[in-house]
């Protein structure tokens, strides 16, 4: 096989949900040795976060990519993407004209990996549990439109919603809505450690060193019943300290595939490699965004004028070209350009970077310059280019003469608890969407119980604009409300979007299924991988 670059089209938004039925599928018969996948994601259990893999707690792309292999959901985003289809369910759909009653019938013969039968009560237990625990990760907010969960018999679950929510089928594809066994998970307490018990395509065995997972072994679940064809018997996911070590392992043949998180230099090198290389680089559509977030209660950034001045100075095009090259694009909204409802609100308000306009904003607000700021970022979660990105941000702000910036990098397991406790005034974050709809690029940041724990609250957004957008099953009709939300964000600047990125997989040429190894929401789909013959 020649080295190739494959680009899949981006998903442009959620279409009207419909009642659907889908039968079970052959789970495949994979053969050969375990496929080994490298990652720089780190999975640790700490005092602040002792239950990283509990579906009621987990809320980052790395832990979700473990749960998506092991914990089954009622609905799933299909191969090739599009509207959600039933997975653990046989059929699901709205049963009223107002999109406030959503009913699912379970697929017959569902079992947990230990052989226990799955009933509607297990589904209700799992979802009610996540809603009741309200973990500080904020993941429960994905279920915030649920009023009550009802069961009818052993195989029907009915969700009564507080308000219309056309995005609800997508929310049922996320791990927080995963079905767990009540025998293994307490109703009102998170499950510490690295054990996961579900009904997904794989079972998990975590190999650990102290409080960290070094290898996650995914073994094909013989009791799995759903829509997925599993093309292998086992996948081992190995964690590496950095992208260089992971890349070396791929070159030596110690691993078969790597994805999160390669460096821009690695991607460029693989892209430039000769056609007879034994490693394929696959480019896939992605919806990852990066941004600066503000603790709007912190004295140094409490002034809207200060935040607006930063928005006026930051040069996204320079940031992208010098750090990420063709692997990213400047972003002028929380909503990526390929998603229905996107608006270039920040560019519309601020135009090109201008130090003079920023200075005018600060002068009118009687803010003395240079303003001393600390930019906080995580050193081990978003890839090796993050440090370079923040060094350039610091330079842009410092060179304006309006700011005096200090950088502070922290490990992810330290960074996250500090951010949630409001210890950072300005900090860098990334977002991989829970599902490919504009709602998931605004509500998690701006709605009640937002996952950033941000004190910023805009009543018009929370009480009117988000609910209005969710009433529209035709997502094009939601564009007006979504544009208004983005315009408010550009004016208030509780968040400063920076760029949106593509995503890549690098794999040995004998690995098949790499074109579907990730979907646009960065969901790792290990079941798609197989071992073939190089040609």
Protein backbone atom coordinates (compact mmCIF):
# COMPACT_ATOMS: atom_id res chain seq x y z
CA UNK A 1 0.00 0.00 0.00
CA UNK A 2 1.31 3.43 -0.83
CA UNK A 3 1.40 6.13 1.78
CA UNK A 4 -1.77 8.11 1.41
CA UNK A 5 -3.62 11.09 2.80
CA UNK A 6 -7.36 10.69 3.03
CA UNK A 7 -9.75 13.50 3.84
CA UNK A 8 -13.27 12.73 4.99
CA UNK A 9 -15.97 15.42 4.70
CA UNK A 10 -16.89 17.30 7.85
CA UNK A 11 -20.30 16.88 9.39
CA UNK A 12 -22.36 20.02 8.97
CA UNK A 13 -24.99 19.60 11.66
CA UNK A 14 -27.83 17.59 13.11
CA UNK A 15 -30.75 16.75 10.86
CA UNK A 16 -34.29 16.16 12.07
CA UNK A 17 -34.41 13.08 14.32
CA UNK A 18 -36.76 10.32 13.24
CA UNK A 19 -38.05 7.09 14.72
CA UNK A 20 -35.71 4.39 13.52
CA UNK A 21 -35.18 0.67 13.90
CA UNK A 22 -31.99 -1.23 13.29
CA UNK A 23 -31.30 -4.91 13.73
CA UNK A 24 -28.22 -6.49 15.21
CA UNK A 25 -25.08 -6.95 13.13
CA UNK A 26 -22.42 -9.60 12.79
CA UNK A 27 -19.67 -8.82 15.24
CA UNK A 28 -16.94 -10.05 12.93
CA UNK A 29 -14.33 -12.63 13.71
CA UNK A 30 -11.04 -10.66 13.84
CA UNK A 31 -7.85 -12.65 13.73
CA UNK A 32 -4.14 -12.35 14.32
CA UNK A 33 -2.17 -10.61 17.01
CA UNK A 34 -3.54 -7.75 19.08
CA UNK A 35 -3.47 -4.39 17.32
CA UNK A 36 -1.40 -1.97 19.40
CA UNK A 37 -2.41 1.69 19.50
CA UNK A 38 -0.19 4.41 20.95
CA UNK A 39 -1.46 7.50 22.74
CA UNK A 40 -0.05 10.34 24.79
CA UNK A 41 -3.28 10.49 26.80
CA UNK A 42 -2.62 9.73 30.45
CA UNK A 43 -5.14 8.01 32.67
CA UNK A 44 -4.52 8.63 36.36
CA UNK A 45 -6.50 8.22 39.54
CA UNK A 46 -5.75 11.03 41.97
CA UNK A 47 -7.10 12.20 45.28
CA UNK A 48 -8.97 14.96 43.45
CA UNK A 49 -10.23 12.59 40.73
CA UNK A 50 -10.22 9.00 42.01
CA UNK A 51 -12.83 7.72 39.52
CA UNK A 52 -11.53 8.74 36.07
CA UNK A 53 -13.40 6.02 34.15
CA UNK A 54 -16.81 6.23 35.80
CA UNK A 55 -19.32 7.29 33.08
CA UNK A 56 -20.92 9.62 35.63
CA UNK A 57 -17.61 11.47 36.00
CA UNK A 58 -15.44 11.10 32.88
CA UNK A 59 -15.50 14.14 30.62
CA UNK A 60 -12.44 14.39 28.42
CA UNK A 61 -11.64 12.88 25.06
CA UNK A 62 -9.15 10.36 26.43
CA UNK A 63 -11.38 8.75 29.05
CA UNK A 64 -14.39 8.89 26.75
CA UNK A 65 -12.42 6.96 24.16
CA UNK A 66 -12.01 4.17 26.71
CA UNK A 67 -15.67 4.24 27.65
CA UNK A 68 -16.91 4.26 24.05
CA UNK A 69 -15.28 0.87 23.56
CA UNK A 70 -16.73 -0.67 26.71
CA UNK A 71 -19.99 1.02 27.75
CA UNK A 72 -22.94 0.78 25.37
CA UNK A 73 -25.37 3.62 24.73
CA UNK A 74 -28.94 3.58 23.46
CA UNK A 75 -27.90 5.52 20.36
CA UNK A 76 -24.68 5.85 18.37
CA UNK A 77 -23.31 8.07 15.62
CA UNK A 78 -23.10 5.78 12.57
CA UNK A 79 -20.07 4.96 10.49
CA UNK A 80 -19.73 7.80 8.02
CA UNK A 81 -21.60 10.01 10.51
CA UNK A 82 -25.03 11.63 10.20
CA UNK A 83 -28.06 11.31 12.45
CA UNK A 84 -27.76 9.00 15.47
CA UNK A 85 -29.06 5.47 15.02
CA UNK A 86 -30.14 2.92 17.64
CA UNK A 87 -27.37 0.88 19.28
CA UNK A 88 -28.46 -0.79 22.52
CA UNK A 89 -31.94 0.29 21.47
CA UNK A 90 -33.92 -1.40 18.74
CA UNK A 91 -35.75 1.85 18.02
CA UNK A 92 -35.86 5.37 19.43
CA UNK A 93 -37.73 8.54 18.57
CA UNK A 94 -39.81 11.49 19.65
CA UNK A 95 -43.43 10.49 20.17
CA UNK A 96 -44.93 13.99 20.39
CA UNK A 97 -44.97 17.02 18.12
CA UNK A 98 -43.16 19.18 20.69
CA UNK A 99 -39.98 17.08 20.94
CA UNK A 100 -40.45 16.63 24.70
CA UNK A 101 -41.17 12.88 24.94
CA UNK A 102 -38.52 10.48 23.66
CA UNK A 103 -39.09 6.73 23.76
CA UNK A 104 -36.66 3.85 23.21
CA UNK A 105 -37.26 0.11 22.95
CA UNK A 106 -34.29 -2.06 23.86
CA UNK A 107 -32.76 -4.56 21.50
CA UNK A 108 -33.73 -8.10 22.54
CA UNK A 109 -31.15 -10.29 24.21
CA UNK A 110 -28.93 -7.48 25.52
CA UNK A 111 -26.42 -8.60 28.14
CA UNK A 112 -23.66 -7.05 30.17
CA UNK A 113 -20.23 -8.51 29.51
CA UNK A 114 -20.64 -10.82 32.53
CA UNK A 115 -23.78 -12.34 31.02
CA UNK A 116 -26.38 -10.50 33.12
CA UNK A 117 -29.47 -9.50 31.14
CA UNK A 118 -30.02 -5.77 30.57
CA UNK A 119 -33.45 -4.32 31.30
CA UNK A 120 -35.04 -0.91 30.98
CA UNK A 121 -34.51 -0.45 34.73
CA UNK A 122 -30.74 -0.71 34.17
CA UNK A 123 -30.94 2.11 31.64
CA UNK A 124 -32.98 4.24 34.03
CA UNK A 125 -30.57 3.47 36.89
CA UNK A 126 -27.54 4.47 34.80
CA UNK A 127 -28.91 7.80 33.60
CA UNK A 128 -30.59 8.75 36.89
CA UNK A 129 -27.33 7.90 38.68
CA UNK A 130 -25.29 10.34 36.58
CA UNK A 131 -27.92 13.05 37.05
CA UNK A 132 -28.04 12.52 40.82
CA UNK A 133 -24.29 12.32 41.48
CA UNK A 134 -23.66 15.61 39.63
CA UNK A 135 -19.91 15.05 39.44
CA UNK A 136 -17.74 18.15 39.45
CA UNK A 137 -16.57 17.35 35.92
CA UNK A 138 -19.90 18.82 34.80
CA UNK A 139 -20.69 15.93 32.46
CA UNK A 140 -24.17 15.53 33.99
CA UNK A 141 -25.19 18.78 32.29
CA UNK A 142 -25.52 16.85 29.04
CA UNK A 143 -28.61 15.30 30.61
CA UNK A 144 -29.99 18.58 31.93
CA UNK A 145 -33.07 18.66 29.71
CA UNK A 146 -34.35 15.40 31.22
CA UNK A 147 -37.20 15.84 33.68
CA UNK A 148 -37.95 12.19 34.49
CA UNK A 149 -37.06 8.74 33.15
CA UNK A 150 -39.87 6.20 32.98
CA UNK A 151 -39.83 2.49 32.21
CA UNK A 152 -42.61 0.40 30.73
CA UNK A 153 -41.98 -3.29 31.13
CA UNK A 154 -38.47 -4.68 30.72
CA UNK A 155 -37.64 -3.20 27.35
CA UNK A 156 -39.03 0.33 27.02
CA UNK A 157 -37.56 3.56 28.37
CA UNK A 158 -39.32 6.91 28.08
CA UNK A 159 -37.59 10.24 28.63
CA UNK A 160 -39.81 13.14 29.61
CA UNK A 161 -37.95 16.36 28.85
CA UNK A 162 -38.29 19.72 30.60
CA UNK A 163 -38.25 21.51 27.29
CA UNK A 164 -37.95 20.66 23.62
CA UNK A 165 -34.49 19.38 22.72
CA UNK A 166 -33.86 18.34 19.14
CA UNK A 167 -30.28 17.43 20.08
CA UNK A 168 -31.37 14.83 22.65
CA UNK A 169 -30.72 11.79 20.38
CA UNK A 170 -27.10 12.91 20.14
CA UNK A 171 -26.83 13.23 23.91
CA UNK A 172 -27.87 9.59 24.22
CA UNK A 173 -24.76 8.65 22.19
CA UNK A 174 -22.41 10.04 24.85
CA UNK A 175 -20.76 7.92 27.57
CA UNK A 176 -22.56 9.73 30.40
CA UNK A 177 -25.70 8.03 29.05
CA UNK A 178 -23.91 4.65 28.96
CA UNK A 179 -25.59 1.62 30.50
CA UNK A 180 -23.82 0.26 33.59
CA UNK A 181 -24.58 -2.74 35.77
CA UNK A 182 -26.18 -1.76 39.11
CA UNK A 183 -24.31 -4.68 40.68
CA UNK A 184 -21.00 -2.92 39.94
CA UNK A 185 -21.90 0.76 40.37
CA UNK A 186 -23.37 2.32 43.50
CA UNK A 187 -26.36 4.56 43.03
CA UNK A 188 -24.95 7.60 44.81
CA UNK A 189 -21.17 7.12 44.68
CA UNK A 190 -18.55 7.15 41.94
CA UNK A 191 -16.60 3.98 41.23
CA UNK A 192 -12.93 4.59 42.00
CA UNK A 193 -10.11 3.15 39.95
CA UNK A 194 -9.92 1.76 36.43
CA UNK A 195 -12.52 -0.99 36.24
CA UNK A 196 -15.31 -0.63 33.69
CA UNK A 197 -18.22 -3.02 33.27
CA UNK A 198 -20.68 -2.52 30.46
CA UNK A 199 -22.11 -4.13 27.33
CA UNK A 200 -20.00 -2.47 24.64
CA UNK A 201 -17.95 -4.20 21.94
CA UNK A 202 -14.98 -4.75 24.28
CA UNK A 203 -14.12 -5.57 27.85
CA UNK A 204 -11.28 -3.69 29.54
CA UNK A 205 -8.31 -4.80 31.58
CA UNK A 206 -6.13 -1.93 32.75
CA UNK A 207 -2.45 -2.52 33.47
CA UNK A 208 -1.21 0.08 35.93
CA UNK A 209 1.93 1.52 37.43
CA UNK A 210 0.98 3.17 40.70
CA UNK A 211 -2.00 5.43 40.03
CA UNK A 212 -1.58 5.51 36.24
CA UNK A 213 -2.66 3.21 33.44
CA UNK A 214 0.25 2.07 31.28
CA UNK A 215 -1.74 -0.21 28.99
CA UNK A 216 -5.46 -0.65 28.37
CA UNK A 217 -6.26 -4.09 26.97
CA UNK A 218 -9.52 -4.24 25.01
CA UNK A 219 -10.80 -7.76 24.37
CA UNK A 220 -13.75 -8.50 22.13
CA UNK A 221 -16.90 -8.92 24.23
CA UNK A 222 -18.60 -12.22 23.32
CA UNK A 223 -21.90 -10.96 24.76
CA UNK A 224 -21.98 -7.75 22.73
CA UNK A 225 -25.12 -7.21 20.68
CA UNK A 226 -25.43 -4.01 18.68
CA UNK A 227 -24.83 -2.39 15.32
CA UNK A 228 -21.04 -2.53 15.28
CA UNK A 229 -18.95 -5.04 13.36
CA UNK A 230 -15.84 -5.74 15.43
CA UNK A 231 -12.93 -6.39 13.08
CA UNK A 232 -10.40 -7.60 15.63
CA UNK A 233 -10.18 -9.75 18.74
CA UNK A 234 -7.99 -7.47 20.83
CA UNK A 235 -6.59 -3.94 20.85
CA UNK A 236 -3.91 -2.80 23.30
CA UNK A 237 -3.69 0.93 23.98
CA UNK A 238 -0.28 1.98 25.31
CA UNK A 239 0.39 5.38 26.93
CA UNK A 240 3.59 7.25 26.08
CA UNK A 241 5.14 10.19 27.85
CA UNK A 242 5.43 12.25 24.70
CA UNK A 243 4.86 12.27 20.94
CA UNK A 244 8.52 11.55 20.12
CA UNK A 245 8.53 8.33 22.13
CA UNK A 246 5.24 7.30 20.53
CA UNK A 247 6.56 8.04 17.04
CA UNK A 248 9.72 6.04 17.67
CA UNK A 249 7.59 3.10 18.81
CA UNK A 250 5.63 3.22 15.53
CA UNK A 251 8.82 3.34 13.46
CA UNK A 252 10.24 0.35 15.36
CA UNK A 253 7.02 -1.64 14.99
CA UNK A 254 6.28 -1.71 18.72
CA UNK A 255 2.87 -0.18 17.98
CA UNK A 256 0.67 -0.39 14.89
CA UNK A 257 -1.09 2.98 15.03
CA UNK A 258 -0.83 6.36 16.72
CA UNK A 259 -3.12 9.35 16.86
CA UNK A 260 -3.49 11.57 19.96
CA UNK A 261 -1.35 13.48 20.11
CA UNK A 262 1.19 13.81 17.32
CA UNK A 263 3.34 16.90 16.97
CA UNK A 264 2.98 19.20 13.93
CA UNK A 265 6.54 18.23 12.98
CA UNK A 266 5.70 14.51 13.02
CA UNK A 267 2.64 15.06 10.87
CA UNK A 268 4.59 17.13 8.35
CA UNK A 269 7.39 14.55 8.21
CA UNK A 270 4.95 11.72 7.56
CA UNK A 271 3.13 13.80 4.97
CA UNK A 272 6.40 14.41 3.12
CA UNK A 273 7.50 10.78 3.31
CA UNK A 274 8.14 8.73 0.20
CA UNK A 275 5.28 6.84 -1.41
CA UNK A 276 6.89 3.51 -0.52
CA UNK A 277 6.92 4.29 3.22
CA UNK A 278 5.61 1.51 5.46
CA UNK A 279 3.59 4.04 7.47
CA UNK A 280 0.36 5.63 6.23
CA UNK A 281 -0.71 9.09 7.34
CA UNK A 282 -4.48 9.55 7.25
CA UNK A 283 -6.01 13.01 7.51
CA UNK A 284 -9.57 13.10 8.81
CA UNK A 285 -12.16 15.80 9.31
CA UNK A 286 -12.00 17.25 12.81
CA UNK A 287 -13.99 19.58 15.02
CA UNK A 288 -11.41 20.21 17.74
CA UNK A 289 -11.17 23.81 18.89
CA UNK A 290 -8.72 25.66 21.14
CA UNK A 291 -9.50 28.74 23.19
CA UNK A 292 -8.60 30.93 26.13
CA UNK A 293 -11.10 30.88 29.00
CA UNK A 294 -11.52 33.61 31.58
CA UNK A 295 -12.54 33.47 35.21
CA UNK A 296 -14.67 36.60 34.91
CA UNK A 297 -14.68 37.01 38.70
CA UNK A 298 -10.89 37.25 38.86
CA UNK A 299 -9.95 40.91 39.50
CA UNK A 300 -7.36 41.12 36.72
CA UNK A 301 -9.80 40.07 33.95
CA UNK A 302 -13.12 41.13 35.50
CA UNK A 303 -13.33 44.15 33.21
CA UNK A 304 -14.96 43.35 29.87
CA UNK A 305 -12.76 46.01 28.28
CA UNK A 306 -9.64 44.09 29.33
CA UNK A 307 -10.93 40.90 27.74
CA UNK A 308 -11.98 42.78 24.62
CA UNK A 309 -8.49 44.30 24.37
CA UNK A 310 -6.96 40.83 24.42
CA UNK A 311 -9.36 39.77 21.68
CA UNK A 312 -8.26 42.82 19.69
CA UNK A 313 -4.54 42.00 20.01
CA UNK A 314 -4.39 38.22 19.46
CA UNK A 315 -3.30 37.34 15.93
CA UNK A 316 -4.82 33.97 15.11
CA UNK A 317 -3.40 33.73 11.61
CA UNK A 318 0.13 34.19 12.90
CA UNK A 319 -0.51 31.67 15.66
CA UNK A 320 -1.75 29.04 13.22
CA UNK A 321 0.88 29.61 10.53
CA UNK A 322 3.86 29.61 12.90
CA UNK A 323 2.79 26.73 15.14
CA UNK A 324 0.39 24.46 13.26
CA UNK A 325 0.73 25.35 9.58
CA UNK A 326 -1.86 23.68 7.35
CA UNK A 327 -3.00 21.45 10.23
CA UNK A 328 -5.30 24.13 11.70
CA UNK A 329 -7.38 27.17 10.77
CA UNK A 330 -8.04 30.44 12.58
CA UNK A 331 -11.32 30.38 14.50
CA UNK A 332 -13.51 33.42 15.14
CA UNK A 333 -16.30 31.76 17.09
CA UNK A 334 -16.90 28.95 19.55
CA UNK A 335 -18.71 27.13 16.72
CA UNK A 336 -16.36 25.69 14.05
CA UNK A 337 -16.72 26.84 10.47
CA UNK A 338 -18.00 23.46 9.23
CA UNK A 339 -20.95 23.30 11.64
CA UNK A 340 -24.42 24.58 10.79
CA UNK A 341 -25.01 27.82 12.70
CA UNK A 342 -21.38 29.05 12.60
CA UNK A 343 -20.80 32.80 12.53
CA UNK A 344 -17.49 34.70 12.39
CA UNK A 345 -18.62 36.87 15.29
CA UNK A 346 -15.17 37.76 16.64
CA UNK A 347 -13.90 38.86 13.23
CA UNK A 348 -17.09 40.82 12.62
CA UNK A 349 -16.54 42.71 15.87
CA UNK A 350 -12.76 43.12 16.02
CA UNK A 351 -11.54 42.72 12.45
CA UNK A 352 -7.77 42.37 12.04
CA UNK A 353 -5.52 42.64 15.11
CA UNK A 354 -5.02 46.26 16.17
CA UNK A 355 -2.92 47.49 19.06
CA UNK A 356 -4.32 51.02 18.72
CA UNK A 357 -7.91 49.81 19.07
CA UNK A 358 -6.94 47.68 22.06
CA UNK A 359 -5.21 50.65 23.69
CA UNK A 360 -8.30 52.77 23.15
CA UNK A 361 -10.47 50.15 24.89
CA UNK A 362 -8.18 50.06 27.92
CA UNK A 363 -7.86 53.85 28.10
CA UNK A 364 -11.62 54.35 28.04
CA UNK A 365 -11.94 51.84 30.90
CA UNK A 366 -9.21 53.61 32.92
CA UNK A 367 -7.06 50.48 32.97
CA UNK A 368 -3.37 51.14 33.63
CA UNK A 369 -0.95 49.42 31.28
CA UNK A 370 0.92 47.19 31.01
CA UNK A 371 -1.53 44.78 32.63
CA UNK A 372 0.20 41.91 34.42
CA UNK A 373 -1.36 38.57 33.44
CA UNK A 374 -0.57 34.90 33.97
CA UNK A 375 -1.54 32.56 31.13
CA UNK A 376 -1.99 29.02 32.42
CA UNK A 377 -1.82 25.98 30.15
CA UNK A 378 -1.48 22.21 30.47
CA UNK A 379 1.81 20.67 29.40
CA UNK A 380 0.73 17.06 28.73
CA UNK A 381 -2.80 16.94 27.36
CA UNK A 382 -3.18 18.80 24.07
CA UNK A 383 0.09 17.89 22.42
CA UNK A 384 3.70 19.05 22.34
CA UNK A 385 2.95 22.24 20.37
CA UNK A 386 0.94 23.76 23.22
CA UNK A 387 4.01 25.31 24.85
CA UNK A 388 5.07 26.93 21.58
CA UNK A 389 1.52 28.21 21.07
CA UNK A 390 1.47 29.92 24.46
CA UNK A 391 4.93 31.35 24.02
CA UNK A 392 3.69 33.02 20.83
CA UNK A 393 0.52 34.26 22.57
CA UNK A 394 2.71 35.78 25.28
CA UNK A 395 4.88 37.46 22.65
CA UNK A 396 1.87 38.93 20.84
CA UNK A 397 0.43 40.37 24.05
CA UNK A 398 3.79 41.60 25.38
CA UNK A 399 4.78 43.19 22.07
CA UNK A 400 1.64 45.30 22.14
CA UNK A 401 3.06 47.10 25.18
CA UNK A 402 -0.35 46.73 26.84
CA UNK A 403 0.32 43.49 28.70
CA UNK A 404 3.06 41.88 30.76
CA UNK A 405 2.46 38.16 30.56
CA UNK A 406 3.82 35.29 32.65
CA UNK A 407 3.38 31.71 31.45
CA UNK A 408 2.68 28.79 33.76
CA UNK A 409 2.41 25.20 32.54
CA UNK A 410 1.00 22.37 34.66
CA UNK A 411 0.34 18.66 34.27
CA UNK A 412 -3.26 17.83 33.39
CA UNK A 413 -4.04 16.10 36.68
CA UNK A 414 -2.97 19.28 38.48
CA UNK A 415 -4.32 21.74 35.93
CA UNK A 416 -7.93 20.49 35.91
CA UNK A 417 -8.61 20.61 39.68
CA UNK A 418 -7.07 24.09 39.88
CA UNK A 419 -9.16 25.34 36.96
CA UNK A 420 -12.36 23.96 38.49
CA UNK A 421 -11.60 25.71 41.77
CA UNK A 422 -11.25 29.04 39.97
CA UNK A 423 -7.53 29.42 40.65
CA UNK A 424 -6.72 30.62 37.13
CA UNK A 425 -7.71 34.01 35.73
CA UNK A 426 -6.85 33.09 32.13
CA UNK A 427 -6.18 29.56 30.91
CA UNK A 428 -5.93 27.58 27.72
CA UNK A 429 -8.30 24.74 26.94
CA UNK A 430 -9.34 22.53 24.04
CA UNK A 431 -12.72 21.13 23.17
CA UNK A 432 -13.58 17.95 21.31
CA UNK A 433 -17.34 18.00 20.83
CA UNK A 434 -19.58 15.46 22.51
CA UNK A 435 -21.59 15.43 19.29
CA UNK A 436 -21.36 17.39 16.01
CA UNK A 437 -23.96 20.09 16.55
CA UNK A 438 -23.59 23.81 17.31
CA UNK A 439 -25.44 23.33 20.61
CA UNK A 440 -22.46 21.38 21.91
CA UNK A 441 -20.12 24.27 21.22
CA UNK A 442 -22.19 26.78 23.19
CA UNK A 443 -24.21 25.08 25.94
CA UNK A 444 -21.28 23.36 27.73
CA UNK A 445 -19.59 26.77 28.10
CA UNK A 446 -22.54 29.10 28.63
CA UNK A 447 -25.47 27.20 30.12
CA UNK A 448 -26.15 26.50 33.78
CA UNK A 449 -23.72 23.98 35.30
CA UNK A 450 -21.19 24.67 32.53
CA UNK A 451 -18.22 22.33 32.62
CA UNK A 452 -15.69 25.15 33.07
CA UNK A 453 -17.36 26.17 36.33
CA UNK A 454 -17.29 29.66 34.85
CA UNK A 455 -19.00 32.41 36.86
CA UNK A 456 -20.02 34.09 33.61
CA UNK A 457 -23.79 33.89 33.12
CA UNK A 458 -25.90 35.67 30.52
CA UNK A 459 -29.62 35.34 31.24
CA UNK A 460 -30.65 35.92 27.62
CA UNK A 461 -28.44 33.06 26.46
CA UNK A 462 -29.48 30.69 29.27
CA UNK A 463 -33.20 31.46 29.45
CA UNK A 464 -34.03 32.15 25.82
CA UNK A 465 -31.42 31.63 23.13
CA UNK A 466 -30.22 28.12 24.01
CA UNK A 467 -33.77 26.81 24.59
CA UNK A 468 -34.94 28.48 21.37
CA UNK A 469 -32.17 26.84 19.36
CA UNK A 470 -32.99 23.41 20.78
CA UNK A 471 -36.61 23.62 19.69
CA UNK A 472 -35.56 23.56 16.04
CA UNK A 473 -35.37 20.04 14.65
CA UNK A 474 -34.21 21.62 11.39
CA UNK A 475 -30.86 22.96 12.54
CA UNK A 476 -30.79 25.58 9.78
CA UNK A 477 -33.77 27.15 11.52
CA UNK A 478 -31.72 27.39 14.73
CA UNK A 479 -29.10 29.60 13.06
CA UNK A 480 -30.68 32.90 14.16
CA UNK A 481 -30.55 32.02 17.87
CA UNK A 482 -27.08 30.50 17.53
CA UNK A 483 -25.73 33.59 15.77
CA UNK A 484 -27.08 35.81 18.54
CA UNK A 485 -25.29 33.63 21.12
CA UNK A 486 -22.00 33.92 19.24
CA UNK A 487 -22.39 37.70 18.94
CA UNK A 488 -22.93 38.04 22.71
CA UNK A 489 -19.81 35.94 23.36
CA UNK A 490 -17.77 38.12 21.01
CA UNK A 491 -18.91 41.22 22.92
CA UNK A 492 -18.53 39.87 26.47
CA UNK A 493 -15.48 37.64 25.77
CA UNK A 494 -15.86 35.06 28.56
CA UNK A 495 -14.02 32.82 26.09
CA UNK A 496 -11.60 33.74 23.32
CA UNK A 497 -11.58 31.18 20.46
CA UNK A 498 -8.22 30.67 18.74
CA UNK A 499 -8.23 27.88 16.17
CA UNK A 500 -9.85 24.69 14.93
CA UNK A 501 -7.79 21.69 13.93
CA UNK A 502 -7.69 18.69 11.70
CA UNK A 503 -6.94 15.24 13.05
CA UNK A 504 -4.58 12.53 11.92
CA UNK A 505 -3.89 8.84 12.25
CA UNK A 506 -0.53 7.27 11.43
CA UNK A 507 -0.48 3.51 11.04
CA UNK A 508 1.50 0.62 9.69
CA UNK A 509 0.41 -0.13 6.13
CA UNK A 510 -1.01 -3.55 7.09
CA UNK A 511 -3.62 -1.98 9.39
CA UNK A 512 -7.05 -1.65 7.79
CA UNK A 513 -9.99 0.55 8.76
CA UNK A 514 -7.87 3.63 9.52
CA UNK A 515 -10.20 5.89 7.51
CA UNK A 516 -12.80 5.29 10.23
CA UNK A 517 -10.49 5.09 13.23
CA UNK A 518 -11.73 8.53 14.36
CA UNK A 519 -14.96 10.34 13.65
CA UNK A 520 -15.17 14.13 13.47
CA UNK A 521 -15.77 14.37 17.23
CA UNK A 522 -12.46 12.56 17.86
CA UNK A 523 -14.26 9.37 18.89
CA UNK A 524 -11.80 6.50 18.68
CA UNK A 525 -13.49 3.57 16.93
CA UNK A 526 -11.17 0.65 17.66
CA UNK A 527 -13.66 -1.86 16.28
CA UNK A 528 -12.98 -0.55 12.76
CA UNK A 529 -9.32 -1.63 12.86
CA UNK A 530 -8.13 -4.88 11.33
CA UNK A 531 -4.92 -6.46 10.19
CA UNK A 532 -4.60 -6.96 6.45
CA UNK A 533 -1.86 -7.38 3.88
CA UNK A 534 0.28 -4.50 2.60
CA UNK A 535 0.05 -3.99 -1.15
